Amino acid sequence: MEFVLWILAVILVVSGIVTLFRGSVMWGVILIIVGLLVGPGGVSIFT
């Protein structure tokens, strides 16, 4: 389960960075924060 959360967090953070470069600052920041919260290194919302 931790591996799946890690992959999901990486996808969210990368998509947040891409969204930032496309010009949507608010959505990019939200995606990065959610990615950091979901990841096993952060505060996981599933535990």
Protein backbone atom coordinates (compact mmCIF):
# COMPACT_ATOMS: atom_id res chain seq x y z
CA MET A 1 0.00 0.00 0.00
CA GLU A 2 2.87 2.38 0.74
CA PHE A 3 4.25 1.89 -2.76
CA VAL A 4 0.90 2.81 -4.32
CA LEU A 5 0.67 5.94 -2.14
CA TRP A 6 4.23 6.88 -3.08
CA ILE A 7 3.47 6.53 -6.80
CA LEU A 8 0.25 8.54 -6.40
CA ALA A 9 2.13 11.28 -4.53
CA VAL A 10 4.81 11.47 -7.24
CA ILE A 11 2.15 11.73 -9.95
CA LEU A 12 0.34 14.50 -8.07
CA VAL A 13 3.50 16.52 -7.44
CA VAL A 14 4.73 16.19 -11.02
CA SER A 15 1.32 17.17 -12.41
CA GLY A 16 1.29 20.11 -10.00
CA ILE A 17 4.67 21.30 -11.29
CA VAL A 18 3.49 20.95 -14.90
CA THR A 19 0.33 22.90 -14.03
CA LEU A 20 2.46 25.65 -12.48
CA PHE A 21 4.46 25.99 -15.69
CA ARG A 22 1.24 26.15 -17.72
CA GLY A 23 0.15 29.20 -15.76
CA SER A 24 -2.42 27.87 -13.26
CA VAL A 25 -0.64 28.73 -10.04
CA MET A 26 -3.52 27.91 -7.69
CA TRP A 27 -4.17 24.42 -9.11
CA GLY A 28 -0.45 23.68 -9.22
CA VAL A 29 0.02 24.56 -5.57
CA ILE A 30 -3.06 22.54 -4.57
CA LEU A 31 -1.82 19.46 -6.46
CA ILE A 32 1.63 19.72 -4.89
CA ILE A 33 0.20 20.07 -1.36
CA VAL A 34 -2.16 17.12 -1.86
CA GLY A 35 0.72 15.07 -3.23
CA LEU A 36 2.82 15.84 -0.17
CA LEU A 37 -0.06 14.93 2.16
CA VAL A 38 -0.80 11.62 0.43
CA GLY A 39 2.80 10.44 0.23
CA PRO A 40 4.12 8.04 2.87
CA GLY A 41 6.79 10.59 3.83
CA GLY A 42 4.14 13.19 4.65
CA VAL A 43 0.98 13.01 6.70
CA SER A 44 -0.90 10.26 4.93
CA ILE A 45 -4.66 10.73 4.86
CA PHE A 46 -5.18 6.95 4.63
CA THR A 47 -3.64 5.99 7.99
